[in-house]
C-alpha atoms as a PDB file:
ATOM      1  CA  MET A   1      72.443 135.404  71.726  1.00  0.00           C
ATOM      2  CA  LYS A   2      70.222 135.935  74.742  1.00  0.00           C
ATOM      3  CA  ILE A   3      69.730 138.326  77.635  1.00  0.00           C
ATOM      4  CA  VAL A   4      71.181 136.822  80.802  1.00  0.00           C
ATOM      5  CA  ASP A   5      71.022 139.833  83.107  1.00  0.00           C
ATOM      6  CA  ALA A   6      69.248 143.177  83.310  1.00  0.00           C
ATOM      7  CA  GLN A   7      69.746 145.799  86.001  1.00  0.00           C
ATOM      8  CA  PHE A   8      68.175 149.194  86.608  1.00  0.00           C
ATOM      9  CA  LEU A   9      70.957 151.751  86.219  1.00  0.00           C
ATOM     10  CA  THR A  10      69.464 155.173  86.904  1.00  0.00           C
ATOM     11  CA  SER A  11      66.667 157.631  86.133  1.00  0.00           C
ATOM     12  CA  ALA A  12      67.289 161.003  84.542  1.00  0.00           C
ATOM     13  CA  GLN A  13      65.131 164.054  83.893  1.00  0.00           C
ATOM     14  CA  SER A  14      67.010 164.952  80.728  1.00  0.00           C
ATOM     15  CA  ILE A  15      70.139 164.259  78.721  1.00  0.00           C
ATOM     16  CA  VAL A  16      72.079 166.503  81.144  1.00  0.00           C
ATOM     17  CA  ASP A  17      71.852 164.105  84.104  1.00  0.00           C
ATOM     18  CA  SER A  18      71.949 160.925  82.001  1.00  0.00           C
ATOM     19  CA  PRO A  19      74.783 158.375  82.330  1.00  0.00           C
ATOM     20  CA  ALA A  20      77.955 158.791  80.271  1.00  0.00           C
ATOM     21  CA  PRO A  21      77.253 157.856  76.623  1.00  0.00           C
ATOM     22  CA  ASP A  22      79.696 154.945  76.668  1.00  0.00           C
ATOM     23  CA  ARG A  23      77.320 152.104  75.790  1.00  0.00           C
ATOM     24  CA  ALA A  24      75.059 151.471  72.776  1.00  0.00           C
ATOM     25  CA  GLU A  25      71.475 152.397  73.676  1.00  0.00           C
ATOM     26  CA  VAL A  26      68.085 151.165  72.518  1.00  0.00           C
ATOM     27  CA  ALA A  27      65.235 153.596  73.229  1.00  0.00           C
ATOM     28  CA  PHE A  28      61.704 152.267  73.747  1.00  0.00           C
ATOM     29  CA  LEU A  29      59.070 154.891  73.088  1.00  0.00           C
ATOM     30  CA  GLY A  30      55.350 154.950  72.503  1.00  0.00           C
ATOM     31  CA  ARG A  31      52.014 156.265  73.654  1.00  0.00           C
ATOM     32  CA  SER A  32      51.162 155.959  77.317  1.00  0.00           C
ATOM     33  CA  ASN A  33      49.895 152.502  78.242  1.00  0.00           C
ATOM     34  CA  VAL A  34      51.085 150.938  74.970  1.00  0.00           C
ATOM     35  CA  GLY A  35      52.895 148.344  77.101  1.00  0.00           C
ATOM     36  CA  LYS A  36      56.480 149.656  77.221  1.00  0.00           C
ATOM     37  CA  SER A  37      57.248 148.668  80.795  1.00  0.00           C
ATOM     38  CA  SER A  38      55.562 145.280  80.421  1.00  0.00           C
ATOM     39  CA  LEU A  39      57.554 144.622  77.247  1.00  0.00           C
ATOM     40  CA  LEU A  40      60.850 145.487  78.936  1.00  0.00           C
ATOM     41  CA  ASN A  41      60.023 143.198  81.848  1.00  0.00           C
ATOM     42  CA  THR A  42      59.086 140.297  79.565  1.00  0.00           C
ATOM     43  CA  LEU A  43      61.980 140.849  77.154  1.00  0.00           C
ATOM     44  CA  THR A  44      64.526 140.793  79.997  1.00  0.00           C
ATOM     45  CA  ASN A  45      62.671 138.114  81.983  1.00  0.00           C
ATOM     46  CA  ARG A  46      62.703 140.425  85.013  1.00  0.00           C
ATOM     47  CA  LYS A  47      59.190 140.874  86.348  1.00  0.00           C
ATOM     48  CA  GLY A  48      59.595 144.161  88.226  1.00  0.00           C
ATOM     49  CA  LEU A  49      62.485 145.667  86.271  1.00  0.00           C
ATOM     50  CA  ALA A  50      60.500 148.474  84.645  1.00  0.00           C
ATOM     51  CA  LYS A  51      57.685 149.837  86.764  1.00  0.00           C
ATOM     52  CA  SER A  52      54.404 149.928  84.890  1.00  0.00           C
ATOM     53  CA  SER A  53      51.466 152.053  85.937  1.00  0.00           C
ATOM     54  CA  SER A  54      47.797 152.219  85.063  1.00  0.00           C
ATOM     55  CA  THR A  55      48.005 156.028  85.230  1.00  0.00           C
ATOM     56  CA  PRO A  56      48.938 157.461  81.803  1.00  0.00           C
ATOM     57  CA  GLY A  57      52.071 159.598  81.925  1.00  0.00           C
ATOM     58  CA  LYS A  58      53.253 158.150  85.234  1.00  0.00           C
ATOM     59  CA  THR A  59      56.673 157.220  83.851  1.00  0.00           C
ATOM     60  CA  GLN A  60      57.969 160.791  83.792  1.00  0.00           C
ATOM     61  CA  LEU A  61      61.695 160.100  83.783  1.00  0.00           C
ATOM     62  CA  ILE A  62      64.147 158.595  81.321  1.00  0.00           C
ATOM     63  CA  ASN A  63      64.953 155.194  82.844  1.00  0.00           C
ATOM     64  CA  TYR A  64      68.199 153.404  81.957  1.00  0.00           C
ATOM     65  CA  PHE A  65      68.775 149.648  82.234  1.00  0.00           C
ATOM     66  CA  GLU A  66      72.070 147.797  81.812  1.00  0.00           C
ATOM     67  CA  ILE A  67      71.576 144.684  79.664  1.00  0.00           C
ATOM     68  CA  LYS A  68      73.995 141.741  79.504  1.00  0.00           C
ATOM     69  CA  PHE A  69      73.879 139.390  76.505  1.00  0.00           C
ATOM     70  CA  LYS A  70      75.453 135.933  76.353  1.00  0.00           C
ATOM     71  CA  THR A  71      77.017 135.439  72.923  1.00  0.00           C
ATOM     72  CA  GLY A  72      77.956 131.759  72.752  1.00  0.00           C
ATOM     73  CA  ASN A  73      81.445 132.885  71.696  1.00  0.00           C
ATOM     74  CA  GLU A  74      84.154 131.688  74.099  1.00  0.00           C
ATOM     75  CA  GLU A  75      86.514 134.520  73.181  1.00  0.00           C
ATOM     76  CA  LEU A  76      83.853 137.169  73.784  1.00  0.00           C
ATOM     77  CA  PRO A  77      81.252 135.509  76.022  1.00  0.00           C
ATOM     78  CA  TYR A  78      79.266 138.648  76.936  1.00  0.00           C
ATOM     79  CA  LEU A  79      78.214 141.867  75.251  1.00  0.00           C
ATOM     80  CA  TYR A  80      76.474 144.839  76.844  1.00  0.00           C
ATOM     81  CA  ALA A  81      73.975 147.508  75.861  1.00  0.00           C
ATOM     82  CA  ARG A  82      71.457 149.781  77.543  1.00  0.00           C
ATOM     83  CA  PHE A  83      67.701 149.713  77.180  1.00  0.00           C
ATOM     84  CA  VAL A  84      66.087 153.097  77.768  1.00  0.00           C
ATOM     85  CA  ASP A  85      62.445 153.425  78.839  1.00  0.00           C
ATOM     86  CA  LEU A  86      61.209 156.848  77.747  1.00  0.00           C
ATOM     87  CA  PRO A  87      58.194 158.759  79.096  1.00  0.00           C
ATOM     88  CA  GLY A  88      54.977 157.896  77.273  1.00  0.00           C
ATOM     89  CA  PHE A  89      53.534 160.513  74.952  1.00  0.00           C
ATOM     90  CA  GLY A  90      49.919 161.370  74.233  1.00  0.00           C
ATOM     91  CA  TYR A  91      48.794 161.351  77.851  1.00  0.00           C
ATOM     92  CA  ALA A  92      46.001 163.718  78.874  1.00  0.00           C
ATOM     93  CA  LYS A  93      46.088 163.698  82.666  1.00  0.00           C
ATOM     94  CA  VAL A  94      49.069 166.002  83.241  1.00  0.00           C
ATOM     95  CA  SER A  95      49.380 169.773  83.265  1.00  0.00           C
ATOM     96  CA  LYS A  96      50.353 171.550  80.041  1.00  0.00           C
ATOM     97  CA  SER A  97      53.521 173.025  81.546  1.00  0.00           C
ATOM     98  CA  LEU A  98      54.689 169.606  82.754  1.00  0.00           C
ATOM     99  CA  LYS A  99      53.863 168.093  79.371  1.00  0.00           C
ATOM    100  CA  ARG A 100      55.930 170.787  77.615  1.00  0.00           C
ATOM    101  CA  GLU A 101      58.883 170.075  79.915  1.00  0.00           C
ATOM    102  CA  TRP A 102      58.684 166.309  79.288  1.00  0.00           C
ATOM    103  CA  ASN A 103      58.471 166.853  75.539  1.00  0.00           C
ATOM    104  CA  LYS A 104      61.509 169.134  75.623  1.00  0.00           C
ATOM    105  CA  ASN A 105      63.572 166.637  77.637  1.00  0.00           C
ATOM    106  CA  LEU A 106      62.436 163.726  75.473  1.00  0.00           C
ATOM    107  CA  THR A 107      63.314 165.572  72.265  1.00  0.00           C
ATOM    108  CA  GLY A 108      66.717 166.511  73.685  1.00  0.00           C
ATOM    109  CA  TYR A 109      67.500 162.869  74.394  1.00  0.00           C
ATOM    110  CA  LEU A 110      66.279 161.603  71.012  1.00  0.00           C
ATOM    111  CA  GLU A 111      68.114 164.256  69.002  1.00  0.00           C
ATOM    112  CA  GLU A 112      71.362 164.614  70.915  1.00  0.00           C
ATOM    113  CA  ARG A 113      72.265 161.281  72.526  1.00  0.00           C
ATOM    114  CA  PRO A 114      75.388 160.140  70.612  1.00  0.00           C
ATOM    115  CA  CYS A 115      75.225 156.470  71.683  1.00  0.00           C
ATOM    116  CA  LEU A 116      71.544 155.989  70.769  1.00  0.00           C
ATOM    117  CA  GLN A 117      71.458 153.338  68.025  1.00  0.00           C
ATOM    118  CA  ILE A 118      67.890 152.019  67.831  1.00  0.00           C
ATOM    119  CA  PHE A 119      64.465 153.623  68.238  1.00  0.00           C
ATOM    120  CA  VAL A 120      61.869 150.983  69.109  1.00  0.00           C
ATOM    121  CA  HIS A 121      58.537 152.691  68.404  1.00  0.00           C
ATOM    122  CA  LEU A 122      55.813 150.718  70.178  1.00  0.00           C
ATOM    123  CA  ILE A 123      52.383 150.955  68.560  1.00  0.00           C
ATOM    124  CA  ASP A 124      49.125 149.461  69.837  1.00  0.00           C
ATOM    125  CA  ALA A 125      48.197 146.883  67.180  1.00  0.00           C
ATOM    126  CA  ARG A 126      44.504 147.740  67.648  1.00  0.00           C
ATOM    127  CA  HIS A 127      45.124 151.397  66.676  1.00  0.00           C
ATOM    128  CA  PRO A 128      48.017 151.386  64.199  1.00  0.00           C
ATOM    129  CA  GLU A 129      47.111 154.557  62.298  1.00  0.00           C
ATOM    130  CA  LEU A 130      46.767 157.189  65.036  1.00  0.00           C
ATOM    131  CA  ASP A 131      47.964 160.686  64.144  1.00  0.00           C
ATOM    132  CA  ILE A 132      50.212 160.850  67.187  1.00  0.00           C
ATOM    133  CA  ASP A 133      52.118 157.724  66.117  1.00  0.00           C
ATOM    134  CA  ARG A 134      52.432 159.037  62.561  1.00  0.00           C
ATOM    135  CA  ASN A 135      53.767 162.331  63.912  1.00  0.00           C
ATOM    136  CA  VAL A 136      56.333 160.487  66.034  1.00  0.00           C
ATOM    137  CA  ASP A 137      57.395 158.430  63.003  1.00  0.00           C
ATOM    138  CA  GLU A 138      57.846 161.576  60.924  1.00  0.00           C
ATOM    139  CA  PHE A 139      59.838 163.208  63.711  1.00  0.00           C
ATOM    140  CA  LEU A 140      62.108 160.173  64.149  1.00  0.00           C
ATOM    141  CA  SER A 141      62.682 160.011  60.394  1.00  0.00           C
ATOM    142  CA  THR A 142      63.808 163.650  60.336  1.00  0.00           C
ATOM    143  CA  ILE A 143      66.266 163.321  63.251  1.00  0.00           C
ATOM    144  CA  LYS A 144      67.568 159.812  62.518  1.00  0.00           C
ATOM    145  CA  ARG A 145      71.300 159.665  61.859  1.00  0.00           C
ATOM    146  CA  GLY A 146      72.871 157.301  59.349  1.00  0.00           C
ATOM    147  CA  ASP A 147      73.974 154.941  62.128  1.00  0.00           C
ATOM    148  CA  GLN A 148      70.474 154.647  63.644  1.00  0.00           C
ATOM    149  CA  ILE A 149      67.417 152.552  62.787  1.00  0.00           C
ATOM    150  CA  ILE A 150      63.722 152.691  63.674  1.00  0.00           C
ATOM    151  CA  LEU A 151      61.944 149.446  64.586  1.00  0.00           C
ATOM    152  CA  HIS A 152      58.138 149.352  64.646  1.00  0.00           C
ATOM    153  CA  ALA A 153      56.903 146.981  67.334  1.00  0.00           C
ATOM    154  CA  PHE A 154      53.155 146.377  67.395  1.00  0.00           C
ATOM    155  CA  THR A 155      51.952 145.401  70.871  1.00  0.00           C
ATOM    156  CA  LYS A 156      48.843 143.600  72.150  1.00  0.00           C
ATOM    157  CA  ILE A 157      48.418 141.459  69.027  1.00  0.00           C
ATOM    158  CA  ASP A 158      46.577 138.885  71.166  1.00  0.00           C
ATOM    159  CA  LYS A 159      43.643 141.323  71.163  1.00  0.00           C
ATOM    160  CA  LEU A 160      43.371 141.230  67.348  1.00  0.00           C
ATOM    161  CA  LYS A 161      41.362 138.834  65.221  1.00  0.00           C
ATOM    162  CA  GLN A 162      43.585 136.683  63.015  1.00  0.00           C
ATOM    163  CA  ASN A 163      42.521 138.359  59.751  1.00  0.00           C
ATOM    164  CA  ASP A 164      43.182 141.827  61.238  1.00  0.00           C
ATOM    165  CA  LEU A 165      46.646 140.684  62.314  1.00  0.00           C
ATOM    166  CA  GLN A 166      47.410 139.394  58.816  1.00  0.00           C
ATOM    167  CA  LYS A 167      46.247 142.721  57.360  1.00  0.00           C
ATOM    168  CA  LEU A 168      48.562 144.573  59.754  1.00  0.00           C
ATOM    169  CA  LYS A 169      51.504 142.346  58.804  1.00  0.00           C
ATOM    170  CA  ARG A 170      50.900 143.054  55.126  1.00  0.00           C
ATOM    171  CA  ALA A 171      50.752 146.796  55.796  1.00  0.00           C
ATOM    172  CA  TYR A 172      53.986 146.739  57.844  1.00  0.00           C
ATOM    173  CA  PRO A 173      56.206 143.980  56.398  1.00  0.00           C
ATOM    174  CA  ASP A 174      59.212 145.132  58.462  1.00  0.00           C
ATOM    175  CA  GLY A 175      57.253 145.347  61.724  1.00  0.00           C
ATOM    176  CA  VAL A 176      57.671 143.156  64.789  1.00  0.00           C
ATOM    177  CA  PHE A 177      54.405 141.811  66.197  1.00  0.00           C
ATOM    178  CA  ILE A 178      54.277 141.280  69.932  1.00  0.00           C
ATOM    179  CA  SER A 179      52.104 139.837  72.659  1.00  0.00           C
ATOM    180  CA  ASN A 180      53.541 140.159  76.166  1.00  0.00           C
ATOM    181  CA  LEU A 181      50.704 137.993  77.404  1.00  0.00           C
ATOM    182  CA  LYS A 182      51.441 135.093  75.049  1.00  0.00           C
ATOM    183  CA  LYS A 183      55.185 135.834  74.766  1.00  0.00           C
ATOM    184  CA  LYS A 184      54.961 136.175  70.996  1.00  0.00           C
ATOM    185  CA  GLY A 185      57.402 138.215  68.920  1.00  0.00           C
ATOM    186  CA  LEU A 186      59.872 138.773  71.763  1.00  0.00           C
ATOM    187  CA  GLU A 187      62.630 136.652  70.266  1.00  0.00           C
ATOM    188  CA  ALA A 188      62.150 138.342  66.886  1.00  0.00           C
ATOM    189  CA  LEU A 189      62.504 141.768  68.510  1.00  0.00           C
ATOM    190  CA  GLN A 190      65.593 140.738  70.460  1.00  0.00           C
ATOM    191  CA  ASN A 191      67.177 139.279  67.312  1.00  0.00           C
ATOM    192  CA  ARG A 192      66.548 142.507  65.395  1.00  0.00           C
ATOM    193  CA  ILE A 193      68.153 144.495  68.220  1.00  0.00           C
ATOM    194  CA  THR A 194      71.227 142.294  68.681  1.00  0.00           C
ATOM    195  CA  GLY A 195      71.631 141.854  64.926  1.00  0.00           C
ATOM    196  CA  TYR A 196      71.922 145.608  64.473  1.00  0.00           C
ATOM    197  CA  LEU A 197      74.011 146.337  67.571  1.00  0.00           C
ATOM    198  CA  PHE A 198      76.416 143.425  67.353  1.00  0.00           C
ATOM    199  CA  GLY A 199      76.022 142.090  63.826  1.00  0.00           C
ATOM    200  CA  ASN A 200      74.732 138.640  64.792  1.00  0.00           C
END
């Protein structure tokens, strides 16, 4: 199964102005500048699909993308899902009141969105043990429903020495290890997503 089309659907400030929850959703979340937008662009093979920025916290809205998968099954040739690019957390260059508002809206989406099936927590492979990522993991574990899973995707593995990468893989045997630059781990991530959503 592969992605054959990806379209920007809409941006929302919160769950209130989000699209109708009529499609399985995969939320991509992580610290600012962990490579979320770049990953979405590479994963969907659409260069400018998700706008990336060098300014931490620039992606302030919840961005929805309609994803079309080709199945290889003649009776059901295409399946659909949504990828959701969430605002980065852990940024320092925004006002406290704005940060509080983002956190509130982000939490509302993560806790209350009925069609949300997969949390893809992106973690910088060079800094896998940061408190903020641990806190996010703990939070996701407490709100996760029985029909949801958390995937840990470690980005920027091309910046690691080989022995450090092997150490990371041993520490996180269920992780997905990604390099946007070298296009590594993308197929593994997509397979984990489609396997859970569609059972293949």
